[in-house]
Amino acid sequence: MDISRKKPPYPITPALRQYLRAYDREALLPVAYADLRQFTGSFPLLDRAGKDTLWQTVFFEPQTLRELSQGLTEVYALLKTAGDLSFSEQLVADRIDYCEFGNSRPFRVRIVNQLNDNYDYFYVKQADASRLYGLELEHLLSPNSMNFLVSGDTLIEEHIVGIPGDDFICKNLSQPHLNQVRLAKEFVKFNERCFVRLLGDMRAYNYVIAVTPDFENEQYRVKAIDFDQQSYEGRRVMYLPQFFKDNAAVVAMCARHLKPENVRQYQTEERALMARRARAERHRLRDLLAAMRRHELAPPEKVAQLKAELNRYHHTDAFDQCDSMGDIVRQNLWHTLGPQLRRSAGEKT
């Protein structure tokens, strides 16, 4: 499928900024994205097999690196310990990687604990409004908690742990110990989450698969890691991971192991869970959608196309009343989660 690779960045509006401030997503950071752009050189970062990862490890002038390392450890403390700097002396930013590929052109910072050599990562990106809405919708409506901070036009994101989807499909999908039924169930649920909240471009390298050992086999969780294409595309199928060709092997696995009634059951289960989360976070979700509905997040022709396609899909004309992508997200949430929300309201009365 054709993806809008050159999606323009959308600025943070005053309404979105107010939302971020109200829900503790905004912080005064000692390092900005522009500071990391001052690197003086780079070299390709290779994986263990010697394959190019598409990341470049960058280096800086010594004095600049010392200042950056101190500031980045403080950023890590803000992200992880709400600004408690008592541990920062044992931390050091020992590597900074940069990726030209992708809309956000991210930096990845490796933080090492010098007492035990344990390390962690976080990302420094340009704060695109589409991505911020995507992160917040993921946080509110999915089982995955998203930890990020915004300062001016700089976005700090926590690393999302898991095996990259393309690597998992290539190396793990054929492993004999893999519980394919459980993975198929999770992919159906992931597919449903993306469509309900209109998160696009979930090609295999834009999500990870987290594997958790259980007392009887393993459990799987598919987690989106790229939110740039939140409600931007005009075609409905762009919001369904099942239609991307690099997910074909997983889709074929689902077809082998799941009957249509299984798929419908798992879709209903996921919608019920999303409805519960929407109720629990109804005030915050309302505030987010209020900012999103007034924000231009896609060209008018894409808005018109998605309205028409969702009208046909849902057998309604309700999307005709939508003027923005935020309106469409709100309407799609109501159409897909409305039955569960109404059923719950009826049970309470």
Protein backbone atom coordinates (compact mmCIF):
# COMPACT_ATOMS: atom_id res chain seq x y z
CA MET A 1 0.00 0.00 0.00
CA ASP A 2 1.09 3.56 -0.62
CA ILE A 3 2.04 5.43 2.55
CA SER A 4 2.49 9.18 2.78
CA ARG A 5 6.22 9.00 3.51
CA LYS A 6 6.60 12.76 3.54
CA LYS A 7 3.90 13.55 6.06
CA PRO A 8 4.46 17.15 7.12
CA PRO A 9 5.02 17.85 10.81
CA TYR A 10 2.12 19.55 12.56
CA PRO A 11 2.89 22.15 15.24
CA ILE A 12 1.62 21.99 18.79
CA THR A 13 -1.38 24.28 19.18
CA PRO A 14 -2.11 26.28 22.36
CA ALA A 15 -4.97 23.86 23.13
CA LEU A 16 -2.71 20.82 22.86
CA ARG A 17 -0.02 22.58 24.89
CA GLN A 18 -2.59 23.29 27.60
CA TYR A 19 -3.60 19.61 27.61
CA LEU A 20 0.03 18.47 27.93
CA ARG A 21 0.57 20.88 30.80
CA ALA A 22 -2.63 19.83 32.58
CA TYR A 23 -1.71 16.14 32.50
CA ASP A 24 1.97 16.46 33.46
CA ARG A 25 3.41 15.79 30.02
CA GLU A 26 5.27 19.08 29.84
CA ALA A 27 8.58 19.69 31.60
CA LEU A 28 11.48 22.12 31.47
CA LEU A 29 14.32 20.04 29.99
CA PRO A 30 18.06 20.81 30.11
CA VAL A 31 18.62 19.40 26.61
CA ALA A 32 16.68 20.14 23.41
CA TYR A 33 16.52 18.27 20.12
CA ALA A 34 18.48 21.09 18.47
CA ASP A 35 21.38 20.54 20.90
CA LEU A 36 21.87 16.97 19.66
CA ARG A 37 21.99 18.20 16.08
CA GLN A 38 25.41 19.69 16.84
CA PHE A 39 27.24 16.39 16.32
CA THR A 40 30.46 16.63 14.35
CA GLY A 41 30.49 13.20 12.72
CA SER A 42 28.99 9.71 12.66
CA PHE A 43 29.56 6.11 11.68
CA PRO A 44 27.09 3.28 10.84
CA LEU A 45 25.75 1.24 13.75
CA LEU A 46 25.82 -2.48 12.94
CA ASP A 47 23.94 -5.25 14.71
CA ARG A 48 25.55 -8.40 16.13
CA ALA A 49 25.48 -10.04 12.72
CA GLY A 50 27.21 -7.07 11.10
CA LYS A 51 24.06 -5.83 9.37
CA ASP A 52 23.40 -2.10 8.99
CA THR A 53 20.70 -1.03 11.48
CA LEU A 54 19.99 2.26 9.62
CA TRP A 55 21.14 4.09 12.76
CA GLN A 56 24.30 6.21 12.92
CA THR A 57 26.32 6.55 16.12
CA VAL A 58 27.19 10.24 16.38
CA PHE A 59 30.05 11.96 18.17
CA PHE A 60 30.63 15.46 19.49
CA GLU A 61 33.41 17.77 20.56
CA PRO A 62 34.65 16.72 24.06
CA GLN A 63 33.29 19.75 25.91
CA THR A 64 29.94 19.53 24.13
CA LEU A 65 29.74 15.80 24.95
CA ARG A 66 30.38 16.42 28.67
CA GLU A 67 27.63 19.02 28.82
CA LEU A 68 25.24 16.85 26.86
CA SER A 69 25.93 13.79 28.99
CA GLN A 70 25.09 15.68 32.18
CA GLY A 71 21.93 17.16 30.66
CA LEU A 72 20.80 13.79 29.24
CA THR A 73 21.17 12.03 32.58
CA GLU A 74 18.97 14.76 34.08
CA VAL A 75 16.43 14.18 31.31
CA TYR A 76 16.49 10.47 32.13
CA ALA A 77 15.88 11.30 35.80
CA LEU A 78 12.90 13.47 34.86
CA LEU A 79 11.49 10.66 32.72
CA LYS A 80 12.08 7.83 35.19
CA THR A 81 12.17 9.27 38.72
CA ALA A 82 10.19 12.51 38.41
CA GLY A 83 13.39 14.53 38.57
CA ASP A 84 15.10 12.85 41.55
CA LEU A 85 18.78 13.53 40.72
CA SER A 86 20.22 11.59 43.66
CA PHE A 87 21.11 8.72 41.34
CA SER A 88 22.46 10.80 38.48
CA GLU A 89 26.12 10.65 39.56
CA GLN A 90 26.23 6.93 38.77
CA LEU A 91 24.63 7.40 35.34
CA VAL A 92 26.30 8.38 32.08
CA ALA A 93 25.06 8.84 28.52
CA ASP A 94 27.67 6.66 26.81
CA ARG A 95 26.24 6.50 23.27
CA ILE A 96 23.98 8.62 21.09
CA ASP A 97 22.53 7.22 17.86
CA TYR A 98 20.74 9.12 15.11
CA CYS A 99 18.34 7.92 12.42
CA GLU A 100 17.60 9.89 9.26
CA PHE A 101 14.91 7.37 8.35
CA GLY A 102 11.44 8.37 9.48
CA ASN A 103 9.53 11.59 9.98
CA SER A 104 10.78 12.34 13.49
CA ARG A 105 14.53 11.82 12.74
CA PRO A 106 15.08 10.52 16.26
CA PHE A 107 18.11 10.38 18.49
CA ARG A 108 18.44 7.31 20.70
CA VAL A 109 20.37 7.81 23.94
CA ARG A 110 21.92 4.93 25.86
CA ILE A 111 22.17 5.56 29.61
CA VAL A 112 24.57 3.29 31.52
CA ASN A 113 24.65 2.72 35.28
CA GLN A 114 28.38 2.72 36.08
CA LEU A 115 27.88 0.64 39.25
CA ASN A 116 26.63 -2.45 37.43
CA ASP A 117 26.91 -1.69 33.68
CA ASN A 118 23.15 -2.00 33.25
CA TYR A 119 21.82 0.21 30.48
CA ASP A 120 18.57 1.68 29.25
CA TYR A 121 17.47 3.83 26.31
CA PHE A 122 15.29 6.82 25.63
CA TYR A 123 14.57 8.86 22.50
CA VAL A 124 14.83 12.55 21.70
CA LYS A 125 12.60 13.63 18.81
CA GLN A 126 11.00 16.62 17.19
CA ALA A 127 7.59 17.14 18.78
CA ASP A 128 5.07 16.52 16.00
CA ALA A 129 1.43 16.99 17.08
CA SER A 130 0.27 13.86 15.23
CA ARG A 131 2.70 11.77 17.23
CA LEU A 132 1.63 13.36 20.52
CA TYR A 133 -2.03 12.56 19.86
CA GLY A 134 -1.02 9.03 18.90
CA LEU A 135 0.98 8.55 22.08
CA GLU A 136 -1.85 9.85 24.25
CA LEU A 137 -4.50 7.70 22.56
CA GLU A 138 -2.25 4.68 23.02
CA HIS A 139 -1.80 5.53 26.68
CA LEU A 140 -5.53 6.00 27.29
CA LEU A 141 -7.04 3.22 25.18
CA SER A 142 -4.47 0.43 24.95
CA PRO A 143 -2.98 -1.87 27.61
CA ASN A 144 0.37 -0.10 27.13
CA SER A 145 1.38 2.80 29.38
CA MET A 146 3.27 5.49 27.45
CA ASN A 147 5.89 7.55 29.25
CA PHE A 148 6.98 10.76 27.51
CA LEU A 149 7.74 14.43 28.12
CA VAL A 150 7.52 17.54 25.96
CA SER A 151 9.51 20.75 26.21
CA GLY A 152 9.00 23.34 23.51
CA ASP A 153 9.49 21.47 20.24
CA THR A 154 11.39 18.59 21.85
CA LEU A 155 9.81 15.21 22.63
CA ILE A 156 11.38 12.70 25.02
CA GLU A 157 10.08 9.13 24.77
CA GLU A 158 10.74 6.10 26.92
CA HIS A 159 12.07 3.03 25.13
CA ILE A 160 9.33 0.47 24.37
CA VAL A 161 10.66 -3.01 25.11
CA GLY A 162 10.08 -5.83 22.64
CA ILE A 163 11.36 -7.65 19.58
CA PRO A 164 10.91 -5.57 16.40
CA GLY A 165 8.05 -7.02 14.38
CA ASP A 166 10.09 -7.57 11.21
CA ASP A 167 12.81 -9.40 13.17
CA PHE A 168 10.21 -11.49 14.99
CA ILE A 169 8.53 -12.53 11.73
CA CYS A 170 11.88 -13.41 10.16
CA LYS A 171 13.50 -15.22 13.09
CA ASN A 172 10.83 -16.30 15.57
CA LEU A 173 7.66 -17.06 13.66
CA SER A 174 8.80 -20.53 12.59
CA GLN A 175 10.25 -21.53 15.96
CA PRO A 176 8.72 -24.81 17.24
CA HIS A 177 8.10 -23.46 20.76
CA LEU A 178 6.05 -20.50 19.50
CA ASN A 179 2.41 -20.60 20.60
CA GLN A 180 0.92 -19.53 17.28
CA VAL A 181 -2.67 -19.48 18.54
CA ARG A 182 -1.86 -17.02 21.31
CA LEU A 183 0.14 -14.83 18.94
CA ALA A 184 -2.68 -14.91 16.38
CA LYS A 185 -5.15 -13.84 19.05
CA GLU A 186 -2.93 -10.92 20.05
CA PHE A 187 -2.45 -9.79 16.46
CA VAL A 188 -6.24 -9.68 15.97
CA LYS A 189 -6.53 -7.55 19.09
CA PHE A 190 -3.70 -5.28 17.95
CA ASN A 191 -5.34 -4.92 14.54
CA GLU A 192 -8.58 -3.92 16.26
CA ARG A 193 -6.91 -1.36 18.53
CA CYS A 194 -5.24 0.34 15.57
CA PHE A 195 -8.48 0.61 13.62
CA VAL A 196 -10.67 1.81 16.49
CA ARG A 197 -8.36 4.74 17.32
CA LEU A 198 -7.19 5.17 13.67
CA LEU A 199 -3.45 4.56 14.04
CA GLY A 200 -1.93 4.04 10.60
CA ASP A 201 1.24 2.59 9.05
CA MET A 202 1.67 -0.43 11.29
CA ARG A 203 4.14 -2.17 9.03
CA ALA A 204 6.22 -4.80 10.81
CA TYR A 205 9.07 -2.47 11.76
CA ASN A 206 6.68 0.00 13.40
CA TYR A 207 5.66 -2.34 16.22
CA VAL A 208 7.39 -4.70 18.63
CA ILE A 209 6.32 -8.01 20.14
CA ALA A 210 6.89 -8.48 23.86
CA VAL A 211 7.17 -12.09 25.01
CA THR A 212 6.32 -12.92 28.63
CA PRO A 213 6.95 -16.43 30.02
CA ASP A 214 3.86 -17.81 31.72
CA PHE A 215 3.41 -20.89 33.92
CA GLU A 216 1.94 -22.62 30.88
CA ASN A 217 3.85 -21.47 27.79
CA GLU A 218 4.23 -17.80 26.75
CA GLN A 219 2.06 -14.72 26.40
CA TYR A 220 2.51 -12.11 23.66
CA ARG A 221 1.79 -8.40 23.42
CA VAL A 222 2.02 -6.42 20.18
CA LYS A 223 2.97 -2.78 20.89
CA ALA A 224 3.01 0.09 18.44
CA ILE A 225 6.25 2.11 18.57
CA ASP A 226 5.63 4.67 15.79
CA PHE A 227 2.78 7.14 16.06
CA ASP A 228 3.56 9.61 13.28
CA GLN A 229 0.67 8.35 11.16
CA GLN A 230 -2.05 8.89 13.74
CA SER A 231 -5.25 9.68 11.76
CA TYR A 232 -3.44 11.11 8.74
CA GLU A 233 -4.24 8.82 5.81
CA GLY A 234 -7.48 8.92 3.83
CA ARG A 235 -7.84 5.20 3.10
CA ARG A 236 -9.49 3.03 5.75
CA VAL A 237 -7.22 0.04 5.08
CA MET A 238 -4.20 2.13 6.13
CA TYR A 239 -5.43 1.71 9.72
CA LEU A 240 -5.55 -2.09 9.53
CA PRO A 241 -2.16 -3.83 9.98
CA GLN A 242 -3.54 -6.97 8.31
CA PHE A 243 -3.34 -5.28 4.88
CA PHE A 244 0.39 -4.50 4.92
CA LYS A 245 2.35 -7.05 2.91
CA ASP A 246 5.16 -7.43 5.43
CA ASN A 247 2.53 -8.66 7.93
CA ALA A 248 1.33 -11.32 5.45
CA ALA A 249 3.02 -14.21 7.28
CA VAL A 250 1.26 -13.29 10.54
CA VAL A 251 -2.08 -12.88 8.74
CA ALA A 252 -1.63 -16.33 7.17
CA MET A 253 -0.91 -17.76 10.62
CA CYS A 254 -4.12 -16.17 11.93
CA ALA A 255 -6.08 -17.73 9.05
CA ARG A 256 -4.65 -21.18 9.85
CA HIS A 257 -5.47 -21.12 13.54
CA LEU A 258 -8.53 -18.90 13.99
CA LYS A 259 -12.06 -19.47 12.76
CA PRO A 260 -14.21 -16.45 11.90
CA GLU A 261 -16.08 -16.78 15.19
CA ASN A 262 -12.74 -16.69 17.06
CA VAL A 263 -11.82 -13.46 15.30
CA ARG A 264 -15.16 -11.86 16.14
CA GLN A 265 -14.80 -12.95 19.78
CA TYR A 266 -11.33 -11.40 20.12
CA GLN A 267 -12.46 -8.21 18.39
CA THR A 268 -15.37 -7.92 20.81
CA GLU A 269 -13.09 -8.61 23.78
CA GLU A 270 -10.72 -5.84 22.72
CA ARG A 271 -13.52 -3.36 22.14
CA ALA A 272 -14.90 -4.12 25.59
CA LEU A 273 -11.48 -3.49 27.14
CA MET A 274 -11.09 -0.24 25.20
CA ALA A 275 -14.56 0.86 26.30
CA ARG A 276 -13.62 0.24 29.95
CA ARG A 277 -10.47 2.30 29.55
CA ALA A 278 -12.42 5.05 27.80
CA ARG A 279 -14.88 5.19 30.71
CA ALA A 280 -12.12 5.21 33.31
CA GLU A 281 -10.30 8.04 31.50
CA ARG A 282 -13.40 9.77 30.14
CA HIS A 283 -12.47 13.28 31.35
CA ARG A 284 -8.91 13.09 30.06
CA LEU A 285 -10.06 11.52 26.77
CA ARG A 286 -12.66 14.25 26.37
CA ASP A 287 -10.00 16.94 26.86
CA LEU A 288 -7.64 15.25 24.39
CA LEU A 289 -10.31 14.93 21.71
CA ALA A 290 -11.43 18.53 22.28
CA ALA A 291 -7.92 19.72 21.39
CA MET A 292 -7.62 17.23 18.54
CA ARG A 293 -10.92 18.18 16.92
CA ARG A 294 -9.78 21.80 16.49
CA HIS A 295 -6.40 20.80 15.07
CA GLU A 296 -5.67 20.44 11.35
CA LEU A 297 -3.88 17.07 11.14
CA ALA A 298 -4.32 16.11 7.47
CA PRO A 299 -5.09 17.72 4.12
CA PRO A 300 -8.83 18.30 3.44
CA GLU A 301 -8.88 15.68 0.67
CA LYS A 302 -7.70 12.98 3.07
CA VAL A 303 -10.32 14.01 5.62
CA ALA A 304 -13.04 13.81 2.94
CA GLN A 305 -11.84 10.41 1.71
CA LEU A 306 -11.74 8.86 5.17
CA LYS A 307 -15.18 10.23 6.01
CA ALA A 308 -16.62 8.60 2.89
CA GLU A 309 -14.89 5.26 3.45
CA LEU A 310 -15.92 5.04 7.11
CA ASN A 311 -19.50 5.96 6.21
CA ARG A 312 -19.56 3.00 3.82
CA TYR A 313 -17.90 0.67 6.31
CA HIS A 314 -20.20 1.55 9.21
CA HIS A 315 -23.32 1.86 6.97
CA THR A 316 -24.03 5.37 8.22
CA ASP A 317 -23.81 9.00 7.18
CA ALA A 318 -22.71 10.20 10.64
CA PHE A 319 -19.18 10.94 9.44
CA ASP A 320 -20.56 13.62 7.11
CA GLN A 321 -20.75 15.89 10.15
CA CYS A 322 -16.99 15.60 10.78
CA ASP A 323 -14.81 18.58 9.87
CA SER A 324 -11.41 17.28 11.02
CA MET A 325 -9.45 14.13 11.69
CA GLY A 326 -10.10 14.67 15.40
CA ASP A 327 -13.85 14.65 14.67
CA ILE A 328 -13.40 11.40 12.71
CA VAL A 329 -11.47 9.72 15.54
CA ARG A 330 -14.19 10.72 18.00
CA GLN A 331 -16.94 9.44 15.70
CA ASN A 332 -15.11 6.18 15.02
CA LEU A 333 -14.63 5.60 18.74
CA TRP A 334 -18.33 6.10 19.28
CA HIS A 335 -19.34 3.78 16.43
CA THR A 336 -17.00 0.97 17.47
CA LEU A 337 -17.16 1.29 21.26
CA GLY A 338 -20.67 2.74 21.57
CA PRO A 339 -22.47 -0.60 22.10
CA GLN A 340 -20.18 -1.52 25.01
CA LEU A 341 -20.42 1.98 26.46
CA ARG A 342 -24.21 2.00 26.21
CA ARG A 343 -24.45 -1.52 27.66
CA SER A 344 -22.34 -0.49 30.65
CA ALA A 345 -24.43 2.65 31.19
CA GLY A 346 -27.56 0.51 31.14
CA GLU A 347 -26.11 -1.86 33.73
CA LYS A 348 -25.40 1.04 36.11
CA THR A 349 -28.91 2.50 35.96
